[in-house]
Amino acid sequence: MIEVKKTIKKIDKKTPKKRSSTDVGKKKIIKKKQEKKVNRIKKEIKKEPKKEVEKVISQSPKKSSAKYFETIGRRKTSQARVRLFTQGDKDIKINEKPFDVYFITPDLRKIVEAPLEIIKSPDKFGISVQVRGGGIYSQAGAVCHGIARALCLLNPYFKKKLKKAGFLTRDPRMRERKKFGLKRARRAPQWSKR
């Protein structure tokens, strides 16, 4: 009796199951619905792109005719995005402020103007800078690095002079992070015997 049941099970596994007519009908209905959705989406896609493209063209801002060279200068944790203009105003603006207002001390101003003085053209270019992060001294170094890079893009012959002066190398020195159990990066707490 047990052997007969086992053989019946084996036969059932081998023979494919017959599909009922309702299953086949349901699948056909689902396929038709999917095809309708796809066709509707295709029609919408064909109609919409022309309108969207026209809107984008009408909303896009007009390109300014002023030519500039854009670079990024870095020093410590400061980043300076520098734009060097060959036409227009011949002044330096940092974070939309005049150069003398942003860098108050003459030492910082000398750091920023150093690459321009090496190529002997301090008043030939208009420069706008967006600088962020770090302190005022590291920001001045980042601006100097950015200006030197922009000058190299403008004229590759400036590269030799600027590299020799050390303006093209990014200063990698940064503050080391504080470690737990210590007062600073490496300063251990004072040891007391009692």
C-alpha atoms as a PDB file:
ATOM      1  CA  MET A   1       0.000   0.000   0.000  1.00  0.00           C
ATOM      2  CA  ILE A   2       2.789   2.415   0.972  1.00  0.00           C
ATOM      3  CA  GLU A   3       4.730   1.552  -2.213  1.00  0.00           C
ATOM      4  CA  VAL A   4       1.685   2.308  -4.380  1.00  0.00           C
ATOM      5  CA  LYS A   5       1.345   5.801  -2.834  1.00  0.00           C
ATOM      6  CA  LYS A   6       5.036   6.521  -3.475  1.00  0.00           C
ATOM      7  CA  THR A   7       4.790   5.533  -7.128  1.00  0.00           C
ATOM      8  CA  ILE A   8       1.683   7.710  -7.577  1.00  0.00           C
ATOM      9  CA  LYS A   9       3.572  10.697  -6.132  1.00  0.00           C
ATOM     10  CA  LYS A  10       6.493  10.082  -8.504  1.00  0.00           C
ATOM     11  CA  ILE A  11       4.145   9.948 -11.489  1.00  0.00           C
ATOM     12  CA  ASP A  12       2.425  13.185 -10.364  1.00  0.00           C
ATOM     13  CA  LYS A  13       5.798  14.963 -10.165  1.00  0.00           C
ATOM     14  CA  LYS A  14       6.798  13.912 -13.664  1.00  0.00           C
ATOM     15  CA  THR A  15       3.540  14.835 -15.418  1.00  0.00           C
ATOM     16  CA  PRO A  16       3.042  18.555 -16.082  1.00  0.00           C
ATOM     17  CA  LYS A  17       0.106  20.215 -14.381  1.00  0.00           C
ATOM     18  CA  LYS A  18      -2.758  21.210 -16.640  1.00  0.00           C
ATOM     19  CA  ARG A  19      -3.712  24.854 -16.684  1.00  0.00           C
ATOM     20  CA  SER A  20      -7.314  25.784 -16.318  1.00  0.00           C
ATOM     21  CA  SER A  21      -8.968  28.064 -18.854  1.00  0.00           C
ATOM     22  CA  THR A  22      -9.465  30.762 -16.204  1.00  0.00           C
ATOM     23  CA  ASP A  23      -5.672  31.042 -15.589  1.00  0.00           C
ATOM     24  CA  VAL A  24      -4.995  31.516 -19.294  1.00  0.00           C
ATOM     25  CA  GLY A  25      -7.760  34.136 -19.562  1.00  0.00           C
ATOM     26  CA  LYS A  26      -6.399  36.101 -16.576  1.00  0.00           C
ATOM     27  CA  LYS A  27      -2.911  36.199 -18.095  1.00  0.00           C
ATOM     28  CA  LYS A  28      -4.274  37.521 -21.386  1.00  0.00           C
ATOM     29  CA  ILE A  29      -6.190  40.276 -19.599  1.00  0.00           C
ATOM     30  CA  ILE A  30      -3.099  41.297 -17.605  1.00  0.00           C
ATOM     31  CA  LYS A  31      -0.973  41.414 -20.789  1.00  0.00           C
ATOM     32  CA  LYS A  32      -3.535  43.627 -22.546  1.00  0.00           C
ATOM     33  CA  LYS A  33      -3.599  46.047 -19.584  1.00  0.00           C
ATOM     34  CA  GLN A  34       0.192  46.255 -19.549  1.00  0.00           C
ATOM     35  CA  GLU A  35       0.304  46.916 -23.290  1.00  0.00           C
ATOM     36  CA  LYS A  36      -2.270  49.705 -22.940  1.00  0.00           C
ATOM     37  CA  LYS A  37      -0.212  51.341 -20.168  1.00  0.00           C
ATOM     38  CA  VAL A  38       2.973  51.149 -22.239  1.00  0.00           C
ATOM     39  CA  ASN A  39       1.252  52.649 -25.293  1.00  0.00           C
ATOM     40  CA  ARG A  40      -0.231  55.485 -23.203  1.00  0.00           C
ATOM     41  CA  ILE A  41       3.194  56.301 -21.687  1.00  0.00           C
ATOM     42  CA  LYS A  42       4.828  56.277 -25.143  1.00  0.00           C
ATOM     43  CA  LYS A  43       2.258  58.758 -26.439  1.00  0.00           C
ATOM     44  CA  GLU A  44       2.831  61.077 -23.462  1.00  0.00           C
ATOM     45  CA  ILE A  45       6.607  60.929 -23.932  1.00  0.00           C
ATOM     46  CA  LYS A  46       6.266  61.847 -27.616  1.00  0.00           C
ATOM     47  CA  LYS A  47       4.146  64.924 -26.780  1.00  0.00           C
ATOM     48  CA  GLU A  48       6.035  66.287 -23.716  1.00  0.00           C
ATOM     49  CA  PRO A  49       9.729  66.595 -24.659  1.00  0.00           C
ATOM     50  CA  LYS A  50       9.189  69.428 -27.153  1.00  0.00           C
ATOM     51  CA  LYS A  51       7.442  71.570 -24.544  1.00  0.00           C
ATOM     52  CA  GLU A  52      10.083  70.837 -21.876  1.00  0.00           C
ATOM     53  CA  VAL A  53      12.982  71.638 -24.216  1.00  0.00           C
ATOM     54  CA  GLU A  54      11.360  74.945 -25.192  1.00  0.00           C
ATOM     55  CA  LYS A  55      10.915  75.849 -21.497  1.00  0.00           C
ATOM     56  CA  VAL A  56      14.538  75.004 -20.665  1.00  0.00           C
ATOM     57  CA  ILE A  57      15.841  77.058 -23.600  1.00  0.00           C
ATOM     58  CA  SER A  58      13.735  80.063 -22.635  1.00  0.00           C
ATOM     59  CA  GLN A  59      14.739  79.844 -18.935  1.00  0.00           C
ATOM     60  CA  SER A  60      18.489  79.237 -19.431  1.00  0.00           C
ATOM     61  CA  PRO A  61      20.626  82.293 -18.554  1.00  0.00           C
ATOM     62  CA  LYS A  62      22.627  83.928 -21.320  1.00  0.00           C
ATOM     63  CA  LYS A  63      26.357  83.227 -21.266  1.00  0.00           C
ATOM     64  CA  SER A  64      28.504  86.179 -20.280  1.00  0.00           C
ATOM     65  CA  SER A  65      31.096  87.248 -22.827  1.00  0.00           C
ATOM     66  CA  ALA A  66      33.775  87.762 -20.136  1.00  0.00           C
ATOM     67  CA  LYS A  67      36.441  85.078 -20.403  1.00  0.00           C
ATOM     68  CA  TYR A  68      37.915  83.676 -17.203  1.00  0.00           C
ATOM     69  CA  PHE A  69      40.088  80.851 -15.927  1.00  0.00           C
ATOM     70  CA  GLU A  70      38.796  78.981 -12.871  1.00  0.00           C
ATOM     71  CA  THR A  71      40.915  76.994 -10.409  1.00  0.00           C
ATOM     72  CA  ILE A  72      40.859  75.837  -6.788  1.00  0.00           C
ATOM     73  CA  GLY A  73      43.620  76.653  -4.303  1.00  0.00           C
ATOM     74  CA  ARG A  74      44.061  74.893  -0.972  1.00  0.00           C
ATOM     75  CA  ARG A  75      46.023  75.408   2.240  1.00  0.00           C
ATOM     76  CA  LYS A  76      45.386  73.569   5.528  1.00  0.00           C
ATOM     77  CA  THR A  77      41.572  73.315   5.701  1.00  0.00           C
ATOM     78  CA  SER A  78      40.887  76.370   3.501  1.00  0.00           C
ATOM     79  CA  GLN A  79      39.580  76.167  -0.053  1.00  0.00           C
ATOM     80  CA  ALA A  80      39.616  79.085  -2.485  1.00  0.00           C
ATOM     81  CA  ARG A  81      37.731  79.041  -5.802  1.00  0.00           C
ATOM     82  CA  VAL A  82      39.580  81.564  -7.968  1.00  0.00           C
ATOM     83  CA  ARG A  83      38.383  83.137 -11.217  1.00  0.00           C
ATOM     84  CA  LEU A  84      40.970  85.081 -13.191  1.00  0.00           C
ATOM     85  CA  PHE A  85      39.377  87.507 -15.679  1.00  0.00           C
ATOM     86  CA  THR A  86      41.330  88.829 -18.655  1.00  0.00           C
ATOM     87  CA  GLN A  87      38.708  91.521 -19.394  1.00  0.00           C
ATOM     88  CA  GLY A  88      36.678  93.890 -17.250  1.00  0.00           C
ATOM     89  CA  ASP A  89      37.598  95.411 -13.870  1.00  0.00           C
ATOM     90  CA  LYS A  90      41.216  94.942 -12.827  1.00  0.00           C
ATOM     91  CA  ASP A  91      40.713  94.485  -9.099  1.00  0.00           C
ATOM     92  CA  ILE A  92      40.730  91.637  -6.584  1.00  0.00           C
ATOM     93  CA  LYS A  93      37.493  90.728  -4.781  1.00  0.00           C
ATOM     94  CA  ILE A  94      37.377  88.101  -2.050  1.00  0.00           C
ATOM     95  CA  ASN A  95      33.947  86.809  -0.952  1.00  0.00           C
ATOM     96  CA  GLU A  96      32.456  89.815  -2.788  1.00  0.00           C
ATOM     97  CA  LYS A  97      34.443  92.254  -0.623  1.00  0.00           C
ATOM     98  CA  PRO A  98      37.356  94.437  -1.708  1.00  0.00           C
ATOM     99  CA  PHE A  99      40.769  92.857  -1.264  1.00  0.00           C
ATOM    100  CA  ASP A 100      41.966  95.482   1.278  1.00  0.00           C
ATOM    101  CA  VAL A 101      38.880  95.030   3.464  1.00  0.00           C
ATOM    102  CA  TYR A 102      39.062  91.218   3.661  1.00  0.00           C
ATOM    103  CA  PHE A 103      42.818  90.920   4.316  1.00  0.00           C
ATOM    104  CA  ILE A 104      43.540  93.741   6.745  1.00  0.00           C
ATOM    105  CA  THR A 105      47.248  93.211   7.457  1.00  0.00           C
ATOM    106  CA  PRO A 106      49.883  94.017   4.820  1.00  0.00           C
ATOM    107  CA  ASP A 107      51.555  90.621   5.332  1.00  0.00           C
ATOM    108  CA  LEU A 108      48.423  88.785   4.182  1.00  0.00           C
ATOM    109  CA  ARG A 109      48.070  91.107   1.193  1.00  0.00           C
ATOM    110  CA  LYS A 110      51.670  90.373   0.186  1.00  0.00           C
ATOM    111  CA  ILE A 111      50.986  86.627   0.329  1.00  0.00           C
ATOM    112  CA  VAL A 112      47.987  86.987  -1.990  1.00  0.00           C
ATOM    113  CA  GLU A 113      49.718  89.311  -4.485  1.00  0.00           C
ATOM    114  CA  ALA A 114      53.011  87.352  -4.584  1.00  0.00           C
ATOM    115  CA  PRO A 115      52.235  85.240  -7.715  1.00  0.00           C
ATOM    116  CA  LEU A 116      51.158  88.358  -9.642  1.00  0.00           C
ATOM    117  CA  GLU A 117      54.332  90.225  -8.660  1.00  0.00           C
ATOM    118  CA  ILE A 118      56.569  87.346  -9.799  1.00  0.00           C
ATOM    119  CA  ILE A 119      55.173  87.526 -13.338  1.00  0.00           C
ATOM    120  CA  LYS A 120      55.304  91.367 -13.087  1.00  0.00           C
ATOM    121  CA  SER A 121      51.636  91.989 -13.810  1.00  0.00           C
ATOM    122  CA  PRO A 122      49.886  93.022 -10.562  1.00  0.00           C
ATOM    123  CA  ASP A 123      47.229  95.227 -12.271  1.00  0.00           C
ATOM    124  CA  LYS A 124      46.543  93.314 -15.503  1.00  0.00           C
ATOM    125  CA  PHE A 125      43.874  90.864 -14.274  1.00  0.00           C
ATOM    126  CA  GLY A 126      40.542  90.966 -12.515  1.00  0.00           C
ATOM    127  CA  ILE A 127      40.278  88.302  -9.815  1.00  0.00           C
ATOM    128  CA  SER A 128      37.215  87.120  -7.907  1.00  0.00           C
ATOM    129  CA  VAL A 129      37.620  84.571  -5.118  1.00  0.00           C
ATOM    130  CA  GLN A 130      35.217  82.528  -3.000  1.00  0.00           C
ATOM    131  CA  VAL A 131      37.164  81.273   0.018  1.00  0.00           C
ATOM    132  CA  ARG A 132      35.944  79.216   2.972  1.00  0.00           C
ATOM    133  CA  GLY A 133      37.285  77.176   5.874  1.00  0.00           C
ATOM    134  CA  GLY A 134      40.359  77.565   8.041  1.00  0.00           C
ATOM    135  CA  GLY A 135      41.737  80.770   9.493  1.00  0.00           C
ATOM    136  CA  ILE A 136      42.637  84.062   7.828  1.00  0.00           C
ATOM    137  CA  TYR A 137      46.287  83.078   7.278  1.00  0.00           C
ATOM    138  CA  SER A 138      45.460  79.731   5.651  1.00  0.00           C
ATOM    139  CA  GLN A 139      42.826  81.461   3.507  1.00  0.00           C
ATOM    140  CA  ALA A 140      45.505  83.830   2.207  1.00  0.00           C
ATOM    141  CA  GLY A 141      47.692  80.828   1.338  1.00  0.00           C
ATOM    142  CA  ALA A 142      44.783  79.112  -0.443  1.00  0.00           C
ATOM    143  CA  VAL A 143      44.070  82.261  -2.506  1.00  0.00           C
ATOM    144  CA  CYS A 144      47.758  82.505  -3.447  1.00  0.00           C
ATOM    145  CA  HIS A 145      47.772  78.855  -4.560  1.00  0.00           C
ATOM    146  CA  GLY A 146      44.596  79.339  -6.599  1.00  0.00           C
ATOM    147  CA  ILE A 147      45.896  82.477  -8.334  1.00  0.00           C
ATOM    148  CA  ALA A 148      49.156  80.721  -9.241  1.00  0.00           C
ATOM    149  CA  ARG A 149      47.238  77.803 -10.767  1.00  0.00           C
ATOM    150  CA  ALA A 150      44.990  80.161 -12.747  1.00  0.00           C
ATOM    151  CA  LEU A 151      48.031  82.006 -14.129  1.00  0.00           C
ATOM    152  CA  CYS A 152      49.430  78.658 -15.341  1.00  0.00           C
ATOM    153  CA  LEU A 153      46.160  77.964 -17.175  1.00  0.00           C
ATOM    154  CA  LEU A 154      46.324  81.413 -18.751  1.00  0.00           C
ATOM    155  CA  ASN A 155      49.905  81.050 -19.938  1.00  0.00           C
ATOM    156  CA  PRO A 156      51.933  77.814 -19.536  1.00  0.00           C
ATOM    157  CA  TYR A 157      55.186  79.808 -19.704  1.00  0.00           C
ATOM    158  CA  PHE A 158      54.482  81.224 -16.233  1.00  0.00           C
ATOM    159  CA  LYS A 159      54.705  77.722 -14.749  1.00  0.00           C
ATOM    160  CA  LYS A 160      58.514  77.666 -14.512  1.00  0.00           C
ATOM    161  CA  LYS A 161      58.734  80.907 -12.513  1.00  0.00           C
ATOM    162  CA  LEU A 162      55.821  80.062 -10.231  1.00  0.00           C
ATOM    163  CA  LYS A 163      57.068  76.530  -9.562  1.00  0.00           C
ATOM    164  CA  LYS A 164      60.544  77.819  -8.698  1.00  0.00           C
ATOM    165  CA  ALA A 165      59.003  80.260  -6.197  1.00  0.00           C
ATOM    166  CA  GLY A 166      56.969  77.405  -4.666  1.00  0.00           C
ATOM    167  CA  PHE A 167      53.482  78.734  -5.389  1.00  0.00           C
ATOM    168  CA  LEU A 168      52.247  75.682  -7.310  1.00  0.00           C
ATOM    169  CA  THR A 169      52.954  73.117  -4.586  1.00  0.00           C
ATOM    170  CA  ARG A 170      50.037  72.625  -2.203  1.00  0.00           C
ATOM    171  CA  ASP A 171      51.220  72.949   1.395  1.00  0.00           C
ATOM    172  CA  PRO A 172      50.203  69.574   2.881  1.00  0.00           C
ATOM    173  CA  ARG A 173      50.701  70.520   6.539  1.00  0.00           C
ATOM    174  CA  MET A 174      47.472  70.277   8.527  1.00  0.00           C
ATOM    175  CA  ARG A 175      46.659  70.157  12.193  1.00  0.00           C
ATOM    176  CA  GLU A 176      46.799  66.600  13.507  1.00  0.00           C
ATOM    177  CA  ARG A 177      43.591  65.415  15.137  1.00  0.00           C
ATOM    178  CA  LYS A 178      43.240  65.129  18.914  1.00  0.00           C
ATOM    179  CA  LYS A 179      43.470  61.616  20.329  1.00  0.00           C
ATOM    180  CA  PHE A 180      41.416  60.348  23.250  1.00  0.00           C
ATOM    181  CA  GLY A 181      43.330  60.054  26.522  1.00  0.00           C
ATOM    182  CA  LEU A 182      45.630  62.908  25.455  1.00  0.00           C
ATOM    183  CA  LYS A 183      45.310  66.677  25.842  1.00  0.00           C
ATOM    184  CA  ARG A 184      46.073  67.397  22.181  1.00  0.00           C
ATOM    185  CA  ALA A 185      47.318  65.313  19.258  1.00  0.00           C
ATOM    186  CA  ARG A 186      50.339  64.038  21.210  1.00  0.00           C
ATOM    187  CA  ARG A 187      50.460  66.004  24.480  1.00  0.00           C
ATOM    188  CA  ALA A 188      49.941  63.562  27.324  1.00  0.00           C
ATOM    189  CA  PRO A 189      48.363  64.651  30.613  1.00  0.00           C
ATOM    190  CA  GLN A 190      50.884  65.679  33.259  1.00  0.00           C
ATOM    191  CA  TRP A 191      52.029  62.759  35.369  1.00  0.00           C
ATOM    192  CA  SER A 192      51.908  63.159  39.123  1.00  0.00           C
ATOM    193  CA  LYS A 193      53.431  60.700  41.550  1.00  0.00           C
ATOM    194  CA  ARG A 194      50.778  61.203  44.262  1.00  0.00           C
END
